[in-house]
Amino acid sequence: MASDERIRGALLAGLTVAALAAGAGWWRAAAPALGRTGPEPAPSTGAFLEPGIRLVDPRTGQVLPGPEADPDESVVIHEEPGGVARRRAVSHTVWEDQSLLAPAGPPVTRRANASDGAEFLFTVACSGAGALVVRFTGSSMDDTEQVLSCNGPPHVTVVNSRGGPLLVRFVALRDQIELDARLEALG
């Protein structure tokens, strides 16, 4: 009788292992695919014909028309409402600021004189344990505050001036931070 129980136990263990293996195979086959499910854009063949840096539309992978980009030049791609991408180059740096900010300290305010409709590339980052509040006056972003966490990637945006002085105000939240900001005129 003991040998019959051992045979039944071995048979039951074998069936259990087979059922688990079949279940694992089904589970892997039925799992949803991770990542992109559509076709990936491929760069056009023109991107590899000559040396240099080219601007590529991230959605289609096609090389944008126009001169090659200088690796030391900041470039902005502006997309018109009709879907036409337009290259915008930085003409000059209006101001740069690397300041140490504390929550109890005074805010840092930077100013630029700008004509109505002038566009600027605004880049800001901070490092430290706190956060940064950015507020604009004299732009299309008036009366809005941007709260940025420090130690993240730089925040880049295009700012449109309303004419007159364009003021950018920086305030530290929660802890002392190091500010790194730049305003560049777009040509």
Protein backbone atom coordinates (compact mmCIF):
# COMPACT_ATOMS: atom_id res chain seq x y z
CA MET A 1 0.00 0.00 0.00
CA ALA A 2 2.86 2.36 0.74
CA SER A 3 4.27 1.87 -2.76
CA ASP A 4 0.86 2.74 -4.31
CA GLU A 5 0.79 5.98 -2.32
CA ARG A 6 4.31 6.85 -3.48
CA ILE A 7 3.36 6.21 -7.11
CA ARG A 8 0.22 8.34 -6.73
CA GLY A 9 2.25 11.11 -5.03
CA ALA A 10 4.87 11.06 -7.81
CA LEU A 11 2.16 11.05 -10.47
CA LEU A 12 0.38 13.96 -8.76
CA ALA A 13 3.67 15.91 -8.49
CA GLY A 14 4.43 15.27 -12.17
CA LEU A 15 0.95 16.45 -13.23
CA THR A 16 1.33 19.57 -11.04
CA VAL A 17 4.68 20.46 -12.67
CA ALA A 18 3.22 19.90 -16.15
CA ALA A 19 0.19 22.09 -15.33
CA LEU A 20 2.44 24.87 -13.98
CA ALA A 21 4.66 24.76 -17.09
CA ALA A 22 1.62 24.92 -19.40
CA GLY A 23 0.18 27.81 -17.37
CA ALA A 24 3.45 29.73 -17.48
CA GLY A 25 3.64 29.27 -21.26
CA TRP A 26 0.06 30.53 -21.66
CA TRP A 27 0.73 33.46 -19.32
CA ARG A 28 3.77 34.61 -21.35
CA ALA A 29 1.92 34.22 -24.67
CA ALA A 30 -1.11 36.17 -23.43
CA ALA A 31 0.89 39.03 -21.85
CA PRO A 32 0.45 42.41 -23.60
CA ALA A 33 3.38 43.78 -25.59
CA LEU A 34 5.31 46.53 -23.82
CA GLY A 35 6.64 49.63 -25.54
CA ARG A 36 5.57 51.12 -28.84
CA THR A 37 3.11 49.11 -30.85
CA GLY A 38 3.12 51.26 -34.02
CA PRO A 39 5.88 51.67 -36.57
CA GLU A 40 8.89 53.65 -35.49
CA PRO A 41 9.83 56.66 -37.64
CA ALA A 42 13.00 56.10 -39.59
CA PRO A 43 15.33 58.94 -40.54
CA SER A 44 15.42 59.85 -44.19
CA THR A 45 18.39 58.78 -46.26
CA GLY A 46 19.42 62.44 -46.61
CA ALA A 47 20.51 62.40 -42.97
CA PHE A 48 23.46 60.16 -43.76
CA LEU A 49 24.74 61.67 -47.00
CA GLU A 50 27.00 64.41 -45.66
CA PRO A 51 28.73 65.02 -42.32
CA GLY A 52 27.21 67.58 -39.97
CA ILE A 53 24.24 68.07 -37.70
CA ARG A 54 20.77 68.14 -39.18
CA LEU A 55 17.40 68.93 -37.69
CA VAL A 56 15.01 65.97 -37.74
CA ASP A 57 11.26 65.97 -37.14
CA PRO A 58 10.86 63.63 -34.12
CA ARG A 59 7.45 62.37 -35.30
CA THR A 60 8.34 61.42 -38.86
CA GLY A 61 12.12 61.08 -38.77
CA GLN A 62 12.43 63.29 -41.86
CA VAL A 63 15.27 65.81 -42.19
CA LEU A 64 13.92 69.36 -42.03
CA PRO A 65 14.88 71.73 -44.84
CA GLY A 66 17.39 74.47 -44.18
CA PRO A 67 21.05 74.85 -43.37
CA GLU A 68 22.88 72.48 -41.09
CA ALA A 69 22.80 73.28 -37.40
CA ASP A 70 25.91 74.50 -35.63
CA PRO A 71 26.59 72.21 -32.63
CA ASP A 72 27.36 75.27 -30.46
CA GLU A 73 24.16 77.10 -31.45
CA SER A 74 20.84 76.81 -29.61
CA VAL A 75 18.08 75.88 -32.01
CA VAL A 76 14.32 75.96 -31.55
CA ILE A 77 11.89 74.15 -33.79
CA HIS A 78 8.57 75.99 -33.91
CA GLU A 79 5.57 74.17 -35.35
CA GLU A 80 2.97 76.33 -37.05
CA PRO A 81 -0.75 75.46 -36.63
CA GLY A 82 -0.78 73.92 -40.13
CA GLY A 83 1.86 71.39 -39.06
CA VAL A 84 4.77 73.17 -40.78
CA ALA A 85 7.95 73.07 -38.72
CA ARG A 86 10.06 76.21 -38.75
CA ARG A 87 13.63 76.49 -37.54
CA ARG A 88 14.35 79.29 -35.10
CA ALA A 89 17.90 80.18 -34.14
CA VAL A 90 19.08 82.10 -31.10
CA SER A 91 20.41 85.50 -32.16
CA HIS A 92 22.03 86.42 -28.83
CA THR A 93 21.94 85.85 -25.08
CA VAL A 94 20.02 88.62 -23.28
CA TRP A 95 21.05 87.56 -19.78
CA GLU A 96 22.32 84.62 -17.74
CA ASP A 97 21.96 84.15 -13.99
CA GLN A 98 23.64 81.74 -11.60
CA SER A 99 22.47 82.73 -8.14
CA LEU A 100 22.14 81.12 -4.74
CA LEU A 101 18.55 81.47 -3.48
CA ALA A 102 17.16 80.89 0.02
CA PRO A 103 13.47 80.82 1.02
CA ALA A 104 13.97 83.61 3.57
CA GLY A 105 16.09 85.69 1.17
CA PRO A 106 14.95 88.23 -1.39
CA PRO A 107 13.77 87.03 -4.81
CA VAL A 108 16.01 87.44 -7.85
CA THR A 109 14.47 89.51 -10.65
CA ARG A 110 15.94 89.79 -14.14
CA ARG A 111 14.80 92.33 -16.73
CA ALA A 112 14.90 92.60 -20.51
CA ASN A 113 13.60 95.42 -22.68
CA ALA A 114 11.59 93.90 -25.49
CA SER A 115 9.40 95.02 -28.34
CA ASP A 116 5.85 93.74 -28.67
CA GLY A 117 5.78 90.18 -30.02
CA ALA A 118 9.50 89.53 -29.50
CA GLU A 119 10.22 85.89 -28.75
CA PHE A 120 12.78 84.53 -26.32
CA LEU A 121 14.07 81.09 -25.43
CA PHE A 122 13.95 80.75 -21.63
CA THR A 123 15.98 77.95 -20.02
CA VAL A 124 15.96 77.39 -16.25
CA ALA A 125 17.26 74.70 -13.92
CA CYS A 126 18.09 74.51 -10.25
CA SER A 127 19.97 72.19 -7.94
CA GLY A 128 19.41 71.54 -4.28
CA ALA A 129 16.75 69.98 -2.09
CA GLY A 130 14.12 72.68 -2.62
CA ALA A 131 11.99 73.92 -5.48
CA LEU A 132 11.89 77.07 -7.59
CA VAL A 133 9.00 79.41 -8.40
CA VAL A 134 9.25 81.37 -11.68
CA ARG A 135 6.89 84.28 -12.46
CA PHE A 136 6.76 86.48 -15.58
CA THR A 137 5.58 90.06 -16.04
CA GLY A 138 5.27 91.67 -19.48
CA SER A 139 4.79 88.42 -21.38
CA SER A 140 2.05 86.11 -22.60
CA MET A 141 2.67 84.09 -19.42
CA ASP A 142 1.73 86.90 -17.00
CA ASP A 143 0.02 85.98 -13.75
CA THR A 144 1.13 82.36 -13.95
CA GLU A 145 3.63 80.78 -11.61
CA GLN A 146 5.73 77.82 -12.62
CA VAL A 147 6.92 75.64 -9.73
CA LEU A 148 9.92 73.55 -10.74
CA SER A 149 11.51 70.75 -8.75
CA CYS A 150 15.27 70.99 -8.49
CA ASN A 151 17.70 68.34 -9.70
CA GLY A 152 15.48 67.59 -12.68
CA PRO A 153 16.10 68.32 -16.35
CA PRO A 154 16.24 71.97 -17.44
CA HIS A 155 12.88 73.57 -18.23
CA VAL A 156 12.88 75.19 -21.69
CA THR A 157 10.06 77.34 -23.05
CA VAL A 158 9.47 80.08 -25.61
CA VAL A 159 8.32 83.38 -24.06
CA ASN A 160 6.44 86.02 -26.09
CA SER A 161 6.85 89.64 -24.98
CA ARG A 162 3.99 92.14 -24.78
CA GLY A 163 6.36 95.07 -25.31
CA GLY A 164 8.16 97.10 -22.68
CA PRO A 165 10.06 95.50 -19.81
CA LEU A 166 9.98 91.73 -19.54
CA LEU A 167 10.56 90.71 -15.92
CA VAL A 168 11.38 87.20 -14.70
CA ARG A 169 11.23 86.63 -10.94
CA PHE A 170 12.79 83.64 -9.14
CA VAL A 171 11.90 82.55 -5.57
CA ALA A 172 13.23 79.52 -3.64
CA LEU A 173 10.82 77.19 -1.85
CA ARG A 174 11.54 74.94 1.15
CA ASP A 175 15.36 74.97 0.98
CA GLN A 176 18.39 76.78 -0.41
CA ILE A 177 18.92 76.20 -4.15
CA GLU A 178 21.36 77.11 -6.90
CA LEU A 179 19.69 78.81 -9.86
CA ASP A 180 20.90 78.46 -13.45
CA ALA A 181 18.78 80.52 -15.87
CA ARG A 182 19.24 82.03 -19.32
CA LEU A 183 17.12 84.21 -21.61
CA GLU A 184 18.05 84.21 -25.30
CA ALA A 185 16.53 86.24 -28.13
CA LEU A 186 15.15 84.23 -31.03
CA GLY A 187 15.86 85.54 -34.50
